[in-house]
Amino acid sequence: MAREEASPPQGNPYTRFFDRVDRVLGPAFVSPLMPAEEETSAMPEDQKPCPLCGHPMFEHVIDHSTANTVLVCPTDERLPEHEVEGPLNELGMPATGRRLEKFEEREAHERDLREERAEL
């Protein structure tokens, strides 16, 4: 009886190694828990406002007949564009991170040069 308790677990060292790897890394690859349905959506999907025109989504037509899905708004009105100061990234979105830092450094350098020229 004492001999059975002291024996190594089932399998060879190779399989035990991968069992241990699976046990350690498993939690990192498990999908996160999703919040309850009530918390994610207070209103039905078709009642939510359109990001382009602000009208409810049930008034829109979504065309899936081509490779690119097309959203047809019921009106020509559009929500105002957000004012963006500073640089944009390659996708046309406001820049963040290192690109924004470089922009601010360049602006500060150009401002210093203008001040020096103004003094002369």
C-alpha atoms as a PDB file:
ATOM      1  CA  MET A   1       0.000   0.000   0.000  1.00  0.00           C
ATOM      2  CA  ALA A   2       2.770   2.453   0.826  1.00  0.00           C
ATOM      3  CA  ARG A   3       4.476   1.559  -2.453  1.00  0.00           C
ATOM      4  CA  GLU A   4       1.444   2.603  -4.534  1.00  0.00           C
ATOM      5  CA  GLU A   5       1.224   6.013  -2.855  1.00  0.00           C
ATOM      6  CA  ALA A   6       4.906   6.748  -3.497  1.00  0.00           C
ATOM      7  CA  SER A   7       4.837   5.771  -7.157  1.00  0.00           C
ATOM      8  CA  PRO A   8       4.853   8.497  -9.827  1.00  0.00           C
ATOM      9  CA  PRO A   9       1.597   9.490 -11.534  1.00  0.00           C
ATOM     10  CA  GLN A  10       0.353   7.572 -14.553  1.00  0.00           C
ATOM     11  CA  GLY A  11       2.110   8.096 -17.901  1.00  0.00           C
ATOM     12  CA  ASN A  12       5.689   8.686 -18.923  1.00  0.00           C
ATOM     13  CA  PRO A  13       7.675  11.863 -18.244  1.00  0.00           C
ATOM     14  CA  TYR A  14       6.747  13.245 -21.670  1.00  0.00           C
ATOM     15  CA  THR A  15       2.984  13.021 -21.109  1.00  0.00           C
ATOM     16  CA  ARG A  16       3.294  14.272 -17.516  1.00  0.00           C
ATOM     17  CA  PHE A  17       5.184  17.318 -18.812  1.00  0.00           C
ATOM     18  CA  PHE A  18       2.393  18.237 -21.231  1.00  0.00           C
ATOM     19  CA  ASP A  19      -0.282  17.569 -18.633  1.00  0.00           C
ATOM     20  CA  ARG A  20       1.497  20.047 -16.402  1.00  0.00           C
ATOM     21  CA  VAL A  21       1.806  22.597 -19.236  1.00  0.00           C
ATOM     22  CA  ASP A  22      -1.921  22.242 -19.964  1.00  0.00           C
ATOM     23  CA  ARG A  23      -2.751  22.741 -16.293  1.00  0.00           C
ATOM     24  CA  VAL A  24      -0.600  25.898 -16.036  1.00  0.00           C
ATOM     25  CA  LEU A  25      -1.500  27.531 -19.363  1.00  0.00           C
ATOM     26  CA  GLY A  26      -5.132  26.414 -19.512  1.00  0.00           C
ATOM     27  CA  PRO A  27      -6.562  29.431 -17.660  1.00  0.00           C
ATOM     28  CA  ALA A  28      -4.835  31.821 -20.086  1.00  0.00           C
ATOM     29  CA  PHE A  29      -6.652  30.313 -23.062  1.00  0.00           C
ATOM     30  CA  VAL A  30     -10.117  29.991 -21.553  1.00  0.00           C
ATOM     31  CA  SER A  31     -12.593  32.476 -23.003  1.00  0.00           C
ATOM     32  CA  PRO A  32     -13.659  35.205 -20.563  1.00  0.00           C
ATOM     33  CA  LEU A  33     -17.046  34.986 -18.933  1.00  0.00           C
ATOM     34  CA  MET A  34     -19.671  37.013 -20.751  1.00  0.00           C
ATOM     35  CA  PRO A  35     -21.858  39.397 -18.757  1.00  0.00           C
ATOM     36  CA  ALA A  36     -25.516  38.584 -18.397  1.00  0.00           C
ATOM     37  CA  GLU A  37     -27.870  39.544 -21.249  1.00  0.00           C
ATOM     38  CA  GLU A  38     -29.639  42.159 -19.113  1.00  0.00           C
ATOM     39  CA  GLU A  39     -26.405  43.998 -18.398  1.00  0.00           C
ATOM     40  CA  THR A  40     -25.168  44.200 -21.991  1.00  0.00           C
ATOM     41  CA  SER A  41     -28.302  45.541 -23.597  1.00  0.00           C
ATOM     42  CA  ALA A  42     -30.863  47.797 -21.984  1.00  0.00           C
ATOM     43  CA  MET A  43     -32.811  48.181 -25.247  1.00  0.00           C
ATOM     44  CA  PRO A  44     -33.474  45.880 -28.204  1.00  0.00           C
ATOM     45  CA  GLU A  45     -30.941  45.904 -31.025  1.00  0.00           C
ATOM     46  CA  ASP A  46     -33.341  47.478 -33.528  1.00  0.00           C
ATOM     47  CA  GLN A  47     -34.144  50.350 -31.129  1.00  0.00           C
ATOM     48  CA  LYS A  48     -30.511  51.448 -30.768  1.00  0.00           C
ATOM     49  CA  PRO A  49     -29.555  54.640 -32.646  1.00  0.00           C
ATOM     50  CA  CYS A  50     -27.612  54.515 -35.905  1.00  0.00           C
ATOM     51  CA  PRO A  51     -24.001  55.712 -35.475  1.00  0.00           C
ATOM     52  CA  LEU A  52     -24.288  57.748 -38.699  1.00  0.00           C
ATOM     53  CA  CYS A  53     -27.673  59.481 -38.591  1.00  0.00           C
ATOM     54  CA  GLY A  54     -29.009  58.883 -35.068  1.00  0.00           C
ATOM     55  CA  HIS A  55     -32.331  57.354 -36.220  1.00  0.00           C
ATOM     56  CA  PRO A  56     -33.375  53.967 -34.777  1.00  0.00           C
ATOM     57  CA  MET A  57     -31.854  50.996 -36.592  1.00  0.00           C
ATOM     58  CA  PHE A  58     -35.254  49.473 -37.471  1.00  0.00           C
ATOM     59  CA  GLU A  59     -35.740  52.347 -39.959  1.00  0.00           C
ATOM     60  CA  HIS A  60     -32.646  51.262 -41.906  1.00  0.00           C
ATOM     61  CA  VAL A  61     -32.090  48.718 -44.653  1.00  0.00           C
ATOM     62  CA  ILE A  62     -29.021  46.490 -44.522  1.00  0.00           C
ATOM     63  CA  ASP A  63     -28.061  45.117 -47.932  1.00  0.00           C
ATOM     64  CA  HIS A  64     -26.149  41.821 -47.784  1.00  0.00           C
ATOM     65  CA  SER A  65     -26.449  41.061 -51.513  1.00  0.00           C
ATOM     66  CA  THR A  66     -22.861  42.062 -52.327  1.00  0.00           C
ATOM     67  CA  ALA A  67     -19.496  41.141 -50.845  1.00  0.00           C
ATOM     68  CA  ASN A  68     -19.543  44.404 -48.864  1.00  0.00           C
ATOM     69  CA  THR A  69     -22.500  44.907 -46.540  1.00  0.00           C
ATOM     70  CA  VAL A  70     -24.215  48.256 -47.170  1.00  0.00           C
ATOM     71  CA  LEU A  71     -26.206  50.222 -44.582  1.00  0.00           C
ATOM     72  CA  VAL A  72     -28.882  52.414 -46.174  1.00  0.00           C
ATOM     73  CA  CYS A  73     -29.986  55.257 -43.873  1.00  0.00           C
ATOM     74  CA  PRO A  74     -33.551  56.609 -44.186  1.00  0.00           C
ATOM     75  CA  THR A  75     -32.358  60.213 -44.194  1.00  0.00           C
ATOM     76  CA  ASP A  76     -29.566  62.371 -45.582  1.00  0.00           C
ATOM     77  CA  GLU A  77     -29.006  63.943 -42.158  1.00  0.00           C
ATOM     78  CA  ARG A  78     -25.796  62.954 -40.438  1.00  0.00           C
ATOM     79  CA  LEU A  79     -24.579  63.323 -36.883  1.00  0.00           C
ATOM     80  CA  PRO A  80     -21.886  65.977 -36.531  1.00  0.00           C
ATOM     81  CA  GLU A  81     -18.313  64.766 -36.881  1.00  0.00           C
ATOM     82  CA  HIS A  82     -16.200  64.870 -33.746  1.00  0.00           C
ATOM     83  CA  GLU A  83     -13.530  67.558 -33.817  1.00  0.00           C
ATOM     84  CA  VAL A  84     -10.130  65.931 -33.951  1.00  0.00           C
ATOM     85  CA  GLU A  85      -7.070  67.928 -33.069  1.00  0.00           C
ATOM     86  CA  GLY A  86      -3.726  66.414 -33.833  1.00  0.00           C
ATOM     87  CA  PRO A  87      -2.565  63.633 -36.094  1.00  0.00           C
ATOM     88  CA  LEU A  88      -4.514  60.705 -37.450  1.00  0.00           C
ATOM     89  CA  ASN A  89      -3.267  57.142 -37.758  1.00  0.00           C
ATOM     90  CA  GLU A  90      -3.198  55.157 -41.007  1.00  0.00           C
ATOM     91  CA  LEU A  91      -6.893  54.268 -40.581  1.00  0.00           C
ATOM     92  CA  GLY A  92      -8.021  57.877 -40.166  1.00  0.00           C
ATOM     93  CA  MET A  93      -8.574  57.522 -36.417  1.00  0.00           C
ATOM     94  CA  PRO A  94      -7.001  59.836 -33.814  1.00  0.00           C
ATOM     95  CA  ALA A  95      -3.400  58.819 -33.221  1.00  0.00           C
ATOM     96  CA  THR A  96      -2.324  57.351 -29.895  1.00  0.00           C
ATOM     97  CA  GLY A  97       0.839  56.109 -28.282  1.00  0.00           C
ATOM     98  CA  ARG A  98       4.235  56.801 -29.827  1.00  0.00           C
ATOM     99  CA  ARG A  99       2.779  58.511 -32.925  1.00  0.00           C
ATOM    100  CA  LEU A 100       1.036  61.087 -30.717  1.00  0.00           C
ATOM    101  CA  GLU A 101       4.212  61.622 -28.672  1.00  0.00           C
ATOM    102  CA  LYS A 102       6.236  62.282 -31.841  1.00  0.00           C
ATOM    103  CA  PHE A 103       3.616  64.751 -33.054  1.00  0.00           C
ATOM    104  CA  GLU A 104       3.695  66.666 -29.754  1.00  0.00           C
ATOM    105  CA  GLU A 105       7.525  66.755 -29.786  1.00  0.00           C
ATOM    106  CA  ARG A 106       7.524  68.069 -33.367  1.00  0.00           C
ATOM    107  CA  GLU A 107       4.903  70.732 -32.507  1.00  0.00           C
ATOM    108  CA  ALA A 108       6.945  71.885 -29.489  1.00  0.00           C
ATOM    109  CA  HIS A 109      10.111  72.068 -31.608  1.00  0.00           C
ATOM    110  CA  GLU A 110       8.360  74.088 -34.345  1.00  0.00           C
ATOM    111  CA  ARG A 111       6.865  76.428 -31.725  1.00  0.00           C
ATOM    112  CA  ASP A 112      10.349  77.030 -30.274  1.00  0.00           C
ATOM    113  CA  LEU A 113      11.711  77.815 -33.763  1.00  0.00           C
ATOM    114  CA  ARG A 114       8.880  80.316 -34.410  1.00  0.00           C
ATOM    115  CA  GLU A 115       9.573  82.036 -31.083  1.00  0.00           C
ATOM    116  CA  GLU A 116      13.300  82.300 -31.898  1.00  0.00           C
ATOM    117  CA  ARG A 117      12.513  83.822 -35.303  1.00  0.00           C
ATOM    118  CA  ALA A 118      10.092  86.274 -33.722  1.00  0.00           C
ATOM    119  CA  GLU A 119      12.811  87.472 -31.332  1.00  0.00           C
ATOM    120  CA  LEU A 120      15.191  88.232 -34.212  1.00  0.00           C
END
